[in-house]
Amino acid sequence: MTLVVDTSLDMKPIKFKDVQGDKFDLICIECAIDSVENPPFVCTRCGQPIEFNEKFYVVREATTKPGGPKVDFKETCIGDKYICRTCFDETMNPEYDEEKEV
């Protein structure tokens, strides 16, 4: 029996043979456990792990040159900062109120 986790759902383990439909969002149970213990992305501002399928922002420092900034978005940089949606909203809108969020 092979257990997998569907990251598009609620992260509950399911048997691979019971999976119906697309298998793009599946990861093995060992990888799921590792991602919970060592989250791949942590918000730089609040320190909370960023969950699977949660929207987040990447802040990257760039330098303007005569031809405009040259930024390669396909490669990660050491200086990249990951910001969760809540922290981004609070930063961009000082009057942000969680109750207004839809």
N, C-alpha and C. Protein backbone atom coordinates (compact mmCIF):
# COMPACT_ATOMS: atom_id res chain seq x y z
N MET A 1 0.85 -1.17 0.00
CA MET A 1 0.00 0.00 0.00
C MET A 1 0.90 1.24 0.00
N THR A 2 0.68 2.12 -0.95
CA THR A 2 1.44 3.36 -1.05
C THR A 2 0.54 4.53 -0.65
N LEU A 3 0.97 5.27 0.37
CA LEU A 3 0.21 6.43 0.81
C LEU A 3 0.77 7.68 0.15
N VAL A 4 -0.13 8.54 -0.27
CA VAL A 4 0.24 9.82 -0.85
C VAL A 4 -0.61 10.91 -0.21
N VAL A 5 -0.23 12.15 -0.47
CA VAL A 5 -0.97 13.30 0.05
C VAL A 5 -1.33 14.18 -1.13
N ASP A 6 -2.59 14.60 -1.18
CA ASP A 6 -3.04 15.51 -2.23
C ASP A 6 -2.94 16.93 -1.68
N THR A 7 -1.99 17.70 -2.19
CA THR A 7 -1.74 19.04 -1.66
C THR A 7 -2.85 20.02 -2.02
N SER A 8 -3.71 19.66 -2.97
CA SER A 8 -4.81 20.57 -3.32
C SER A 8 -6.00 20.38 -2.39
N LEU A 9 -5.97 19.34 -1.57
CA LEU A 9 -7.06 19.09 -0.62
C LEU A 9 -6.61 19.44 0.79
N ASP A 10 -6.99 18.65 1.74
CA ASP A 10 -6.70 18.97 3.13
C ASP A 10 -5.49 18.23 3.68
N MET A 11 -4.61 17.75 2.83
CA MET A 11 -3.36 17.09 3.22
C MET A 11 -3.57 15.79 4.00
N LYS A 12 -4.71 15.14 3.82
CA LYS A 12 -4.93 13.86 4.48
C LYS A 12 -4.31 12.76 3.62
N PRO A 13 -3.63 11.80 4.24
CA PRO A 13 -3.06 10.69 3.46
C PRO A 13 -4.15 9.83 2.84
N ILE A 14 -3.94 9.42 1.60
CA ILE A 14 -4.85 8.53 0.90
C ILE A 14 -4.05 7.47 0.17
N LYS A 15 -4.68 6.35 -0.12
CA LYS A 15 -4.01 5.30 -0.88
C LYS A 15 -3.91 5.73 -2.34
N PHE A 16 -2.74 5.49 -2.94
CA PHE A 16 -2.52 5.91 -4.32
C PHE A 16 -3.56 5.29 -5.25
N LYS A 17 -3.93 4.03 -5.01
CA LYS A 17 -4.89 3.37 -5.89
C LYS A 17 -6.29 3.98 -5.79
N ASP A 18 -6.56 4.71 -4.70
CA ASP A 18 -7.87 5.35 -4.51
C ASP A 18 -7.95 6.76 -5.12
N VAL A 19 -6.84 7.25 -5.65
CA VAL A 19 -6.82 8.60 -6.22
C VAL A 19 -7.58 8.59 -7.54
N GLN A 20 -8.46 9.56 -7.69
CA GLN A 20 -9.22 9.70 -8.93
C GLN A 20 -8.92 11.07 -9.51
N GLY A 21 -8.86 11.16 -10.83
CA GLY A 21 -8.61 12.44 -11.49
C GLY A 21 -7.12 12.73 -11.59
N ASP A 22 -6.81 14.02 -11.66
CA ASP A 22 -5.42 14.46 -11.83
C ASP A 22 -4.55 14.03 -10.66
N LYS A 23 -3.31 13.71 -10.99
CA LYS A 23 -2.35 13.31 -9.98
C LYS A 23 -1.23 14.34 -9.85
N PHE A 24 -1.45 15.54 -10.40
CA PHE A 24 -0.42 16.58 -10.39
C PHE A 24 -0.11 17.09 -8.99
N ASP A 25 -1.08 17.09 -8.10
CA ASP A 25 -0.90 17.67 -6.77
C ASP A 25 -0.50 16.63 -5.71
N LEU A 26 -0.10 15.46 -6.15
CA LEU A 26 0.26 14.40 -5.20
C LEU A 26 1.73 14.47 -4.81
N ILE A 27 2.00 14.22 -3.54
CA ILE A 27 3.37 14.02 -3.08
C ILE A 27 3.38 12.80 -2.18
N CYS A 28 4.53 12.18 -2.03
CA CYS A 28 4.60 10.98 -1.19
C CYS A 28 4.46 11.38 0.28
N ILE A 29 4.08 10.43 1.10
CA ILE A 29 3.82 10.70 2.51
C ILE A 29 5.10 11.17 3.22
N GLU A 30 6.26 10.62 2.84
CA GLU A 30 7.52 11.03 3.46
C GLU A 30 7.82 12.49 3.17
N CYS A 31 7.56 12.93 1.93
CA CYS A 31 7.78 14.33 1.57
C CYS A 31 6.81 15.24 2.30
N ALA A 32 5.59 14.79 2.49
CA ALA A 32 4.59 15.59 3.21
C ALA A 32 5.01 15.77 4.66
N ILE A 33 5.49 14.70 5.28
CA ILE A 33 5.94 14.79 6.67
C ILE A 33 7.13 15.73 6.77
N ASP A 34 8.06 15.61 5.83
CA ASP A 34 9.25 16.47 5.83
C ASP A 34 8.87 17.93 5.63
N SER A 35 7.89 18.20 4.77
CA SER A 35 7.49 19.59 4.52
C SER A 35 6.79 20.21 5.72
N VAL A 36 6.16 19.38 6.56
CA VAL A 36 5.53 19.89 7.77
C VAL A 36 6.60 20.17 8.83
N GLU A 37 7.57 19.26 8.94
CA GLU A 37 8.64 19.43 9.93
C GLU A 37 9.64 20.51 9.50
N ASN A 38 9.89 20.62 8.20
CA ASN A 38 10.84 21.60 7.66
C ASN A 38 10.17 22.33 6.50
N PRO A 39 9.31 23.29 6.79
CA PRO A 39 8.56 23.93 5.71
C PRO A 39 9.49 24.59 4.70
N PRO A 40 9.17 24.45 3.41
CA PRO A 40 10.05 25.01 2.38
C PRO A 40 10.05 26.53 2.35
N PHE A 41 8.94 27.15 2.77
CA PHE A 41 8.85 28.60 2.77
C PHE A 41 8.31 29.07 4.12
N VAL A 42 8.99 30.05 4.68
CA VAL A 42 8.57 30.64 5.95
C VAL A 42 8.49 32.14 5.72
N CYS A 43 7.43 32.76 6.20
CA CYS A 43 7.27 34.20 6.05
C CYS A 43 8.42 34.92 6.75
N THR A 44 9.09 35.80 6.03
CA THR A 44 10.22 36.53 6.57
C THR A 44 9.78 37.50 7.66
N ARG A 45 8.55 37.96 7.59
CA ARG A 45 8.07 38.96 8.54
C ARG A 45 7.55 38.34 9.83
N CYS A 46 6.65 37.36 9.74
CA CYS A 46 6.03 36.82 10.95
C CYS A 46 6.61 35.46 11.37
N GLY A 47 7.35 34.81 10.47
CA GLY A 47 7.99 33.54 10.81
C GLY A 47 7.09 32.33 10.70
N GLN A 48 5.85 32.50 10.23
CA GLN A 48 4.92 31.38 10.10
C GLN A 48 5.20 30.62 8.81
N PRO A 49 5.07 29.28 8.82
CA PRO A 49 5.25 28.53 7.58
C PRO A 49 4.15 28.86 6.58
N ILE A 50 4.50 28.87 5.31
CA ILE A 50 3.53 29.11 4.25
C ILE A 50 3.05 27.75 3.78
N GLU A 51 1.75 27.50 3.89
CA GLU A 51 1.15 26.20 3.60
C GLU A 51 1.08 25.93 2.11
N PHE A 52 0.88 24.66 1.74
CA PHE A 52 0.67 24.29 0.35
C PHE A 52 -0.53 25.02 -0.20
N ASN A 53 -0.44 25.46 -1.43
CA ASN A 53 -1.50 26.16 -2.16
C ASN A 53 -1.88 27.50 -1.54
N GLU A 54 -1.13 27.97 -0.57
CA GLU A 54 -1.38 29.30 0.00
C GLU A 54 -0.64 30.32 -0.85
N LYS A 55 -1.29 31.42 -1.16
CA LYS A 55 -0.63 32.46 -1.95
C LYS A 55 0.35 33.21 -1.07
N PHE A 56 1.51 33.52 -1.64
CA PHE A 56 2.50 34.31 -0.94
C PHE A 56 3.24 35.18 -1.95
N TYR A 57 4.05 36.08 -1.45
CA TYR A 57 4.76 37.01 -2.31
C TYR A 57 6.26 36.82 -2.12
N VAL A 58 7.00 37.01 -3.21
CA VAL A 58 8.45 36.95 -3.16
C VAL A 58 8.96 38.37 -3.39
N VAL A 59 9.71 38.87 -2.44
CA VAL A 59 10.29 40.20 -2.56
C VAL A 59 11.75 40.02 -2.93
N ARG A 60 12.14 40.65 -4.02
CA ARG A 60 13.50 40.51 -4.50
C ARG A 60 14.09 41.90 -4.75
N GLU A 61 15.31 42.07 -4.30
CA GLU A 61 16.00 43.33 -4.52
C GLU A 61 16.56 43.35 -5.93
N ALA A 62 16.43 44.48 -6.61
CA ALA A 62 16.94 44.61 -7.97
C ALA A 62 17.59 45.97 -8.13
N THR A 63 18.47 46.08 -9.11
CA THR A 63 19.14 47.33 -9.40
C THR A 63 18.70 47.81 -10.77
N THR A 64 18.35 49.09 -10.85
CA THR A 64 17.95 49.65 -12.13
C THR A 64 19.19 49.98 -12.95
N LYS A 65 19.18 49.56 -14.19
CA LYS A 65 20.28 49.83 -15.11
C LYS A 65 19.71 50.61 -16.29
N PRO A 66 20.54 51.14 -17.15
CA PRO A 66 20.03 51.92 -18.28
C PRO A 66 18.95 51.20 -19.09
N GLY A 67 19.04 49.89 -19.25
CA GLY A 67 18.04 49.14 -20.01
C GLY A 67 16.89 48.66 -19.15
N GLY A 68 16.85 49.06 -17.90
CA GLY A 68 15.82 48.61 -16.98
C GLY A 68 16.35 47.50 -16.09
N PRO A 69 15.61 47.13 -15.07
CA PRO A 69 16.10 46.07 -14.17
C PRO A 69 16.10 44.71 -14.87
N LYS A 70 17.12 43.95 -14.62
CA LYS A 70 17.22 42.59 -15.17
C LYS A 70 16.98 41.62 -14.01
N VAL A 71 15.85 40.97 -14.01
CA VAL A 71 15.49 40.05 -12.94
C VAL A 71 15.12 38.72 -13.57
N ASP A 72 15.78 37.65 -13.11
CA ASP A 72 15.46 36.30 -13.59
C ASP A 72 14.54 35.65 -12.56
N PHE A 73 13.26 35.57 -12.88
CA PHE A 73 12.29 35.04 -11.93
C PHE A 73 12.30 33.53 -11.84
N LYS A 74 13.00 32.85 -12.76
CA LYS A 74 13.03 31.39 -12.73
C LYS A 74 14.04 30.87 -11.71
N GLU A 75 15.01 31.67 -11.35
CA GLU A 75 16.02 31.24 -10.39
C GLU A 75 15.77 31.90 -9.05
N THR A 76 16.03 31.17 -7.99
CA THR A 76 15.89 31.75 -6.66
C THR A 76 17.21 32.41 -6.26
N CYS A 77 17.10 33.43 -5.45
CA CYS A 77 18.27 34.15 -4.96
C CYS A 77 18.34 34.00 -3.45
N ILE A 78 19.54 34.10 -2.92
CA ILE A 78 19.72 33.99 -1.48
C ILE A 78 18.97 35.11 -0.76
N GLY A 79 18.90 36.29 -1.38
CA GLY A 79 18.26 37.43 -0.75
C GLY A 79 16.76 37.48 -0.89
N ASP A 80 16.15 36.47 -1.54
CA ASP A 80 14.69 36.47 -1.69
C ASP A 80 14.02 36.45 -0.33
N LYS A 81 12.96 37.21 -0.21
CA LYS A 81 12.18 37.22 1.03
C LYS A 81 10.77 36.75 0.68
N TYR A 82 10.25 35.83 1.49
CA TYR A 82 8.92 35.28 1.28
C TYR A 82 7.97 35.93 2.28
N ILE A 83 6.88 36.49 1.78
CA ILE A 83 5.94 37.21 2.63
C ILE A 83 4.56 36.56 2.48
N CYS A 84 3.96 36.17 3.60
CA CYS A 84 2.62 35.59 3.54
C CYS A 84 1.61 36.67 3.16
N ARG A 85 0.46 36.24 2.74
CA ARG A 85 -0.56 37.18 2.25
C ARG A 85 -1.01 38.17 3.33
N THR A 86 -1.16 37.69 4.56
CA THR A 86 -1.60 38.56 5.65
C THR A 86 -0.57 39.65 5.91
N CYS A 87 0.71 39.29 6.00
CA CYS A 87 1.75 40.28 6.24
C CYS A 87 1.86 41.26 5.07
N PHE A 88 1.69 40.76 3.85
CA PHE A 88 1.74 41.63 2.68
C PHE A 88 0.61 42.66 2.76
N ASP A 89 -0.60 42.20 3.06
CA ASP A 89 -1.74 43.11 3.17
C ASP A 89 -1.53 44.14 4.28
N GLU A 90 -0.99 43.70 5.41
CA GLU A 90 -0.73 44.62 6.52
C GLU A 90 0.34 45.63 6.14
N THR A 91 1.35 45.21 5.41
CA THR A 91 2.44 46.10 5.02
C THR A 91 1.99 47.12 3.97
N MET A 92 1.23 46.66 3.00
CA MET A 92 0.82 47.54 1.90
C MET A 92 -0.34 48.45 2.30
N ASN A 93 -1.09 48.07 3.31
CA ASN A 93 -2.24 48.87 3.73
C ASN A 93 -2.20 48.99 5.26
N PRO A 94 -1.67 50.08 5.78
CA PRO A 94 -1.57 50.22 7.24
C PRO A 94 -2.92 50.15 7.95
N GLU A 95 -3.99 50.40 7.24
CA GLU A 95 -5.32 50.36 7.84
C GLU A 95 -5.99 49.00 7.63
N TYR A 96 -5.19 48.00 7.26
CA TYR A 96 -5.70 46.64 7.00
C TYR A 96 -6.41 46.10 8.22
N ASP A 97 -7.55 45.47 7.99
CA ASP A 97 -8.33 44.86 9.06
C ASP A 97 -8.73 43.46 8.60
N GLU A 98 -8.39 42.43 9.35
CA GLU A 98 -8.68 41.05 8.97
C GLU A 98 -10.17 40.82 8.74
N GLU A 99 -11.02 41.56 9.43
CA GLU A 99 -12.46 41.36 9.27
C GLU A 99 -12.93 41.81 7.90
N LYS A 100 -12.19 42.69 7.24
CA LYS A 100 -12.58 43.15 5.92
C LYS A 100 -12.23 42.15 4.83
N GLU A 101 -11.32 41.20 5.14
CA GLU A 101 -10.89 40.22 4.17
C GLU A 101 -12.05 39.31 3.80
N VAL A 102 -12.22 39.06 2.51
CA VAL A 102 -13.35 38.24 2.03
C VAL A 102 -12.89 36.85 1.78
